[in-house]
Every structure is written in structure tokens, then in C-alpha cells.
Amino acid sequence: MHFNIQHFSTHDGDGIRTILFLKGCSLACPWCQNPESRSEKLSLLFDERLCLDDCDQCIKQTSPAKTDYVNVIFRDSENRIQIQRDQLQQQTIESLRGVCPSQALSVVGEDSDIEQLCQQLLRDKPFYKQSNGGVTFSGGEPLMQAELVSEIAKKLQNEGVNTAIETCLHVPWKHVEQALPFIDCWLADLKHTDSEIFKAWAHGSLGRIHKNLIQLGERAKRMIIRVPVVPGFNDSDSQLRNIIDFAAQLDSCEAVHLLPYHTLGINKYNLLDMPYLCADQPLNNPELLERAKAYGESHPIKPMTITIRG
């Protein structure tokens, strides 16, 4: 299942790229800017600012006559739309697709047809050729749908299109290995080097990620390590140096990208009725980033290109 196709991106691999966003992630990073991608199933966004006072199309669509639940969506005493998300079934969410005239309600996610997706991705092929760009798989964690990624990437490579993938690598190695022959560049996250801190923040296994990175480092065509620099989590000289030290051991790693934390995704949490549990201000520590850049570019094991991405 995918939830977006973004054209003319220039920040997710070389050249001009089209990004295919896939649903599902096994981590719960509190700074995630795509919280609608965490679930592998359909999600429902609701923007109250766009809601029309005299429109009850969503209520009518989810009335007891059409669902197994009573008042899944209703108006409260202040005439505001309320959604009982714990009672929303997938078929109910699907039934709301296109119902809201103001798009206050929107359904995130749709079944992925490989042939149709390839046709859409190949429409931008002239731009890929002109800029040495291509297609990037993103998410969520795209390798949770490794078979889909592999089939599409293989077709794209057969058409001469460069492929890249943005991944946290928090998946079984067999998923990585399945996609490995068809990915030209791996944009792999390395968020921390302390297992306990990582588990407390992202609710995942850092050991699994490290093992995947080591195996991938031996076999990937190209790898770029990406580091979201998050206040209170990894924004220290020691932690960024530890991450760069780890990256320097990976044979196919050619660069590290430092991604300063920002808050552009906060509103999506409101639209999903999810709490936002990370800092409410962007990272503002350019000196820290410059010190990490200098450390990596003069690394004693393997000097690397360190890029600070705004």
C-alpha cells in the first residue's frame, strides 16, 4: 500500500527524483514527519479548519445503517465533528474516500498496482535522464513491502532508471537482501549508537539495524548514512562522533548527511489525533553540526563527505 507520489524532488538522492511513499513502519520515532505512514493500513486525516458547519456528508456515510457501529462520526454539543477512531474499521475509512466536499476528511493510503505505479513513475523519465536522477522509495519503511519494492525497482532498472531507497533498516535481513540487487543507492538512517536510548525513543532494536548496516555495507553499490539530529536524543558531540565512527567502518558508505530536526510535521499529528512527543522548536545548534562535519571530513579511518541538509 502506498500513500503518495511526489514529483521533482531534489533532496532524496541524485538529480531530479520522483518519490514513492509506502505505508507501514516498525519504529515509532517521535519526530517522524510522516506519522500517517506508520500504520500499514488506511489512515484518516481530519482538518477541522476546513470543515463546513452545514455539511454532514461524513456522518451520513458512516451512519448505523451503513456500518456496524453507532455514531462513528458525530457532532458534539458545540457542533464540532468528532471521530471515534478506536471504532473505525478499514472498510469505513475506505467509504469516506472522496466524500468530504471541502477535503477536511481525507483517506491516506491506496492499494498498489505495480503496472500503474510504474507507468506513473516512468512519466518523469526525461527529467531523470537530464539530471542523472531517478526514483526513490520512501515511507514509512519501504522494506516492510520488500516484494513490492523489488518488483518495481527491477522494472525501473530495466528501463534504465536509477533507484534509491530511504530506509531505517529495522526489518529482517531477508527483506533487505530481496531488494539489494535492484537498488542503486541506499539512504540508510543511523539515529543512535546506544541501544537503550534508541529503544526508549524509537521503540526498536538498534542491534538489528547495526547488523543490517554491516551486511549492507559489504554488498551495497552505494550507501549514504543519514542522521536526524534531534534535541535531547542525539544532539551531542560524542553521539555524532560515534555515529560517524560507525559509518566509517562501512565499505560502501561514501557520505553522511546530517539532518537538523525541524517541526514541519507537527500539524499532521493533530490531523490524526495523535500526541506529538518531541521538541516543539527546531534544532538551533549550527556549531555542533559544523564540529561533526569537521570530524567526519578528517576521520582517521575513512574521511567522508559530511553534508548538513537544511
Protein backbone atom coordinates (compact mmCIF):
# COMPACT_ATOMS: atom_id res chain seq x y z
CA MET A 1 0.00 0.00 0.00
CA HIS A 2 1.32 3.47 -0.91
CA PHE A 3 0.11 6.91 0.11
CA ASN A 4 1.81 9.49 -2.07
CA ILE A 5 3.89 10.10 -5.19
CA GLN A 6 5.98 13.25 -5.04
CA HIS A 7 7.46 14.61 -8.26
CA PHE A 8 10.51 16.81 -8.86
CA SER A 9 12.26 16.17 -5.54
CA THR A 10 15.93 17.15 -5.29
CA HIS A 11 16.71 16.09 -1.70
CA ASP A 12 16.26 12.32 -1.75
CA GLY A 13 19.06 11.08 -3.98
CA ASP A 14 20.92 12.38 -7.02
CA GLY A 15 19.30 14.69 -9.55
CA ILE A 16 15.57 15.17 -10.03
CA ARG A 17 13.63 12.32 -8.45
CA THR A 18 10.13 11.01 -8.02
CA ILE A 19 9.41 9.68 -4.53
CA LEU A 20 7.08 6.75 -3.95
CA PHE A 21 5.88 6.77 -0.34
CA LEU A 22 4.83 3.40 1.09
CA LYS A 23 2.75 2.68 4.20
CA GLY A 24 3.99 0.92 7.32
CA CYS A 25 6.89 1.32 9.76
CA SER A 26 8.04 -0.83 12.67
CA LEU A 27 9.56 2.11 14.56
CA ALA A 28 7.76 4.89 16.45
CA CYS A 29 10.24 7.78 16.25
CA PRO A 30 8.51 10.73 17.96
CA TRP A 31 9.98 13.21 15.44
CA CYS A 32 8.63 11.36 12.38
CA GLN A 33 7.37 13.86 9.83
CA ASN A 34 5.12 11.27 8.15
CA PRO A 35 3.06 9.85 11.04
CA GLU A 36 0.34 8.86 8.56
CA SER A 37 2.82 6.32 7.22
CA ARG A 38 3.29 4.36 10.47
CA SER A 39 0.29 2.11 10.01
CA GLU A 40 0.41 -0.33 7.11
CA LYS A 41 -3.35 0.17 6.79
CA LEU A 42 -5.53 3.09 5.72
CA SER A 43 -5.38 6.22 7.86
CA LEU A 44 -7.86 9.07 8.21
CA LEU A 45 -6.83 12.72 8.45
CA PHE A 46 -9.25 15.33 9.74
CA ASP A 47 -8.58 19.07 9.46
CA GLU A 48 -11.23 20.87 11.48
CA ARG A 49 -10.25 24.19 9.91
CA LEU A 50 -11.70 23.02 6.58
CA CYS A 51 -14.89 21.53 7.98
CA LEU A 52 -18.18 23.05 6.83
CA ASP A 53 -20.75 23.72 9.57
CA ASP A 54 -23.73 22.83 7.39
CA CYS A 55 -22.29 19.64 5.87
CA ASP A 56 -22.84 16.21 7.38
CA GLN A 57 -21.72 14.03 4.48
CA CYS A 58 -19.26 12.08 6.63
CA ILE A 59 -21.88 11.45 9.29
CA LYS A 60 -24.37 10.22 6.72
CA GLN A 61 -21.74 7.97 5.13
CA THR A 62 -20.96 6.32 8.47
CA SER A 63 -24.50 6.18 9.82
CA PRO A 64 -25.58 2.99 11.65
CA ALA A 65 -27.37 1.84 8.51
CA LYS A 66 -24.03 1.68 6.68
CA THR A 67 -21.67 0.50 9.42
CA ASP A 68 -21.58 -1.91 12.33
CA TYR A 69 -21.08 0.94 14.78
CA VAL A 70 -23.29 3.73 16.05
CA ASN A 71 -22.04 7.28 15.69
CA VAL A 72 -18.53 6.58 14.48
CA ILE A 73 -18.57 10.22 13.38
CA PHE A 74 -20.89 12.70 15.06
CA ARG A 75 -21.28 16.33 16.09
CA ASP A 76 -20.79 17.23 19.73
CA SER A 77 -22.71 19.80 21.77
CA GLU A 78 -20.61 22.58 20.19
CA ASN A 79 -21.46 21.34 16.68
CA ARG A 80 -17.91 20.11 16.11
CA ILE A 81 -17.18 16.89 14.25
CA GLN A 82 -15.87 14.12 16.48
CA ILE A 83 -14.39 10.82 15.29
CA GLN A 84 -14.33 7.65 17.36
CA ARG A 85 -11.07 6.41 15.88
CA ASP A 86 -10.92 3.28 18.01
CA GLN A 87 -14.10 2.12 16.30
CA LEU A 88 -13.07 2.90 12.73
CA GLN A 89 -12.84 -0.16 10.54
CA GLN A 90 -10.86 -0.19 7.31
CA GLN A 91 -13.99 -0.52 5.20
CA THR A 92 -15.47 2.52 6.95
CA ILE A 93 -12.38 4.61 6.24
CA GLU A 94 -12.41 3.48 2.61
CA SER A 95 -16.07 4.51 2.32
CA LEU A 96 -15.08 8.07 3.26
CA ARG A 97 -12.72 8.45 0.30
CA GLY A 98 -13.83 11.49 -1.71
CA VAL A 99 -16.96 12.08 0.42
CA CYS A 100 -15.91 15.35 2.08
CA PRO A 101 -16.55 18.30 -0.29
CA SER A 102 -14.01 20.53 1.49
CA GLN A 103 -11.42 17.74 1.96
CA ALA A 104 -11.45 18.27 5.71
CA LEU A 105 -11.52 14.48 5.84
CA SER A 106 -9.02 12.65 3.68
CA VAL A 107 -8.12 8.98 3.38
CA VAL A 108 -4.40 8.16 3.35
CA GLY A 109 -3.33 5.03 1.52
CA GLU A 110 -4.36 3.02 -1.51
CA ASP A 111 -3.66 -0.42 -2.84
CA SER A 112 -0.57 -0.55 -5.03
CA ASP A 113 -0.91 -1.76 -8.61
CA ILE A 114 2.63 -2.38 -9.84
CA GLU A 115 1.95 -1.71 -13.52
CA GLN A 116 0.07 1.51 -12.84
CA LEU A 117 2.72 2.73 -10.42
CA CYS A 118 5.50 2.02 -12.92
CA GLN A 119 3.64 3.95 -15.59
CA GLN A 120 3.35 6.96 -13.27
CA LEU A 121 6.99 6.77 -12.19
CA LEU A 122 8.25 6.47 -15.78
CA ARG A 123 6.41 9.63 -16.88
CA ASP A 124 9.28 11.65 -15.40
CA LYS A 125 11.98 9.64 -17.20
CA PRO A 126 13.10 12.60 -19.36
CA PHE A 127 13.86 14.56 -16.18
CA TYR A 128 15.77 11.62 -14.71
CA LYS A 129 17.95 11.37 -17.81
CA GLN A 130 18.58 15.11 -17.97
CA SER A 131 19.60 15.39 -14.29
CA ASN A 132 21.02 11.93 -13.52
CA GLY A 133 18.04 11.45 -11.25
CA GLY A 134 15.60 8.61 -10.75
CA VAL A 135 13.05 7.10 -8.38
CA THR A 136 13.36 6.92 -4.59
CA PHE A 137 11.31 4.61 -2.35
CA SER A 138 10.34 6.15 0.97
CA GLY A 139 7.77 5.80 3.71
CA GLY A 140 7.20 4.74 6.37
CA GLU A 141 9.68 1.94 5.95
CA PRO A 142 9.51 0.78 2.33
CA LEU A 143 11.25 -2.54 3.08
CA MET A 144 8.19 -3.65 5.02
CA GLN A 145 6.89 -4.14 1.48
CA ALA A 146 10.11 -5.62 0.13
CA GLU A 147 8.44 -7.67 -2.58
CA LEU A 148 6.64 -4.63 -3.97
CA VAL A 149 9.81 -2.52 -3.84
CA SER A 150 11.85 -5.24 -5.54
CA GLU A 151 9.39 -5.77 -8.39
CA ILE A 152 9.03 -2.06 -9.13
CA ALA A 153 12.76 -1.36 -8.79
CA LYS A 154 13.59 -4.22 -11.15
CA LYS A 155 11.21 -2.86 -13.78
CA LEU A 156 12.67 0.64 -13.37
CA GLN A 157 16.23 -0.62 -13.74
CA ASN A 158 15.23 -2.47 -16.89
CA GLU A 159 14.08 0.91 -18.21
CA GLY A 160 17.42 2.48 -17.32
CA VAL A 161 16.07 4.38 -14.31
CA ASN A 162 18.26 4.89 -11.24
CA THR A 163 16.75 3.63 -7.97
CA ALA A 164 17.28 4.73 -4.37
CA ILE A 165 15.64 3.86 -1.09
CA GLU A 166 15.22 5.74 2.20
CA THR A 167 15.26 3.13 4.96
CA CYS A 168 15.68 2.78 8.71
CA LEU A 169 16.68 -0.89 8.14
CA HIS A 170 14.53 -2.02 11.07
CA VAL A 171 13.40 -5.11 9.16
CA PRO A 172 14.60 -8.72 8.84
CA TRP A 173 17.73 -9.04 6.69
CA LYS A 174 15.85 -11.17 4.16
CA HIS A 175 13.82 -8.07 3.23
CA VAL A 176 16.98 -6.06 2.64
CA GLU A 177 18.53 -8.90 0.65
CA GLN A 178 15.45 -9.21 -1.55
CA ALA A 179 15.71 -5.59 -2.69
CA LEU A 180 19.52 -5.43 -2.76
CA PRO A 181 20.08 -6.27 -6.47
CA PHE A 182 17.63 -3.59 -7.63
CA ILE A 183 18.68 -0.57 -5.54
CA ASP A 184 21.45 1.70 -6.80
CA CYS A 185 21.76 3.91 -3.73
CA TRP A 186 20.83 3.25 -0.09
CA LEU A 187 19.90 6.28 2.03
CA ALA A 188 20.12 4.49 5.37
CA ASP A 189 19.28 6.05 8.71
CA LEU A 190 21.60 5.69 11.68
CA LYS A 191 19.96 7.58 14.51
CA HIS A 192 21.98 6.49 17.54
CA THR A 193 24.60 4.06 18.83
CA ASP A 194 23.19 3.39 22.31
CA SER A 195 20.66 0.55 22.27
CA GLU A 196 18.78 1.55 25.42
CA ILE A 197 18.35 5.18 24.45
CA PHE A 198 17.26 4.17 20.96
CA LYS A 199 14.70 1.71 22.33
CA ALA A 200 13.30 4.29 24.76
CA TRP A 201 12.77 6.84 21.97
CA ALA A 202 12.05 4.81 18.84
CA HIS A 203 10.78 1.54 20.41
CA GLY A 204 13.00 -0.62 18.23
CA SER A 205 16.09 -2.80 18.16
CA LEU A 206 19.29 -0.93 17.37
CA GLY A 207 21.10 -4.27 17.21
CA ARG A 208 19.01 -5.33 14.22
CA ILE A 209 19.78 -2.06 12.44
CA HIS A 210 23.51 -2.29 13.14
CA LYS A 211 23.68 -5.88 11.85
CA ASN A 212 21.82 -4.91 8.69
CA LEU A 213 24.11 -1.92 8.15
CA ILE A 214 27.23 -4.06 8.47
CA GLN A 215 25.95 -6.64 5.97
CA LEU A 216 24.65 -3.95 3.65
CA GLY A 217 27.97 -2.10 3.84
CA GLU A 218 29.65 -5.14 2.33
CA ARG A 219 27.20 -5.52 -0.56
CA ALA A 220 25.50 -2.23 -1.44
CA LYS A 221 26.50 -0.39 -4.62
CA ARG A 222 26.37 2.94 -2.79
CA MET A 223 25.35 3.95 0.70
CA ILE A 224 24.75 7.30 2.37
CA ILE A 225 24.17 7.39 6.11
CA ARG A 226 21.53 9.90 7.19
CA VAL A 227 21.32 11.22 10.73
CA PRO A 228 18.30 13.15 12.01
CA VAL A 229 19.88 15.35 14.70
CA VAL A 230 17.19 15.59 17.39
CA PRO A 231 17.27 17.74 20.56
CA GLY A 232 17.67 15.67 23.71
CA PHE A 233 18.21 12.48 21.72
CA ASN A 234 21.49 12.61 19.81
CA ASP A 235 22.47 16.29 19.68
CA SER A 236 25.88 15.90 21.33
CA ASP A 237 29.43 15.86 20.04
CA SER A 238 30.06 12.40 21.47
CA GLN A 239 26.99 10.81 19.88
CA LEU A 240 27.52 12.33 16.44
CA ARG A 241 31.15 11.21 16.54
CA ASN A 242 30.05 7.69 17.50
CA ILE A 243 27.68 7.62 14.54
CA ILE A 244 30.38 8.87 12.16
CA ASP A 245 32.80 6.28 13.58
CA PHE A 246 30.29 3.53 12.81
CA ALA A 247 29.68 4.86 9.30
CA ALA A 248 33.43 4.95 8.61
CA GLN A 249 33.57 1.17 9.06
CA LEU A 250 31.06 0.56 6.25
CA ASP A 251 32.84 -0.12 2.97
CA SER A 252 30.14 1.20 0.66
CA CYS A 253 29.34 4.30 2.75
CA GLU A 254 30.52 7.35 0.84
CA ALA A 255 28.92 10.19 2.82
CA VAL A 256 26.98 11.17 5.93
CA HIS A 257 24.07 13.58 5.78
CA LEU A 258 23.20 15.45 8.98
CA LEU A 259 19.50 16.36 9.03
CA PRO A 260 18.75 19.06 11.63
CA TYR A 261 15.47 18.44 13.45
CA HIS A 262 12.51 20.55 12.37
CA THR A 263 8.84 20.74 13.35
CA LEU A 264 7.17 20.82 9.93
CA GLY A 265 5.26 17.60 10.60
CA ILE A 266 3.59 18.62 13.86
CA ASN A 267 0.24 19.51 12.28
CA LYS A 268 -0.15 16.00 10.85
CA TYR A 269 -0.28 14.65 14.40
CA ASN A 270 -3.21 16.96 15.09
CA LEU A 271 -4.95 15.71 11.96
CA LEU A 272 -4.53 12.12 13.17
CA ASP A 273 -5.46 12.88 16.80
CA MET A 274 -2.00 11.71 17.85
CA PRO A 275 0.11 13.33 20.57
CA TYR A 276 3.36 14.96 19.47
CA LEU A 277 6.06 13.87 21.92
CA CYS A 278 9.14 15.61 20.57
CA ALA A 279 10.61 19.11 20.90
CA ASP A 280 8.39 21.96 19.74
CA GLN A 281 11.31 24.02 18.42
CA PRO A 282 13.74 23.21 15.59
CA LEU A 283 17.35 22.35 16.34
CA ASN A 284 19.37 25.55 16.59
CA ASN A 285 22.97 24.46 17.06
CA PRO A 286 24.99 25.14 13.90
CA GLU A 287 28.26 24.93 15.84
CA LEU A 288 27.53 21.31 16.79
CA LEU A 289 26.85 20.39 13.18
CA GLU A 290 29.99 22.12 11.96
CA ARG A 291 32.11 20.28 14.54
CA ALA A 292 30.63 16.95 13.40
CA LYS A 293 31.30 17.90 9.78
CA ALA A 294 34.93 18.71 10.54
CA TYR A 295 35.35 15.45 12.47
CA GLY A 296 33.97 13.31 9.65
CA GLU A 297 35.90 15.00 6.88
CA SER A 298 39.20 14.42 8.73
CA HIS A 299 38.29 10.98 10.09
CA PRO A 300 41.36 8.84 10.86
CA ILE A 301 39.85 5.63 9.43
CA LYS A 302 37.98 6.92 6.38
CA PRO A 303 37.49 10.63 5.69
CA MET A 304 33.97 11.15 4.36
CA THR A 305 31.85 13.85 2.84
CA ILE A 306 29.66 15.28 5.62
CA THR A 307 26.71 17.30 4.36
CA ILE A 308 24.41 19.40 6.53
CA ARG A 309 20.97 19.29 4.94
CA GLY A 310 18.60 22.12 5.79
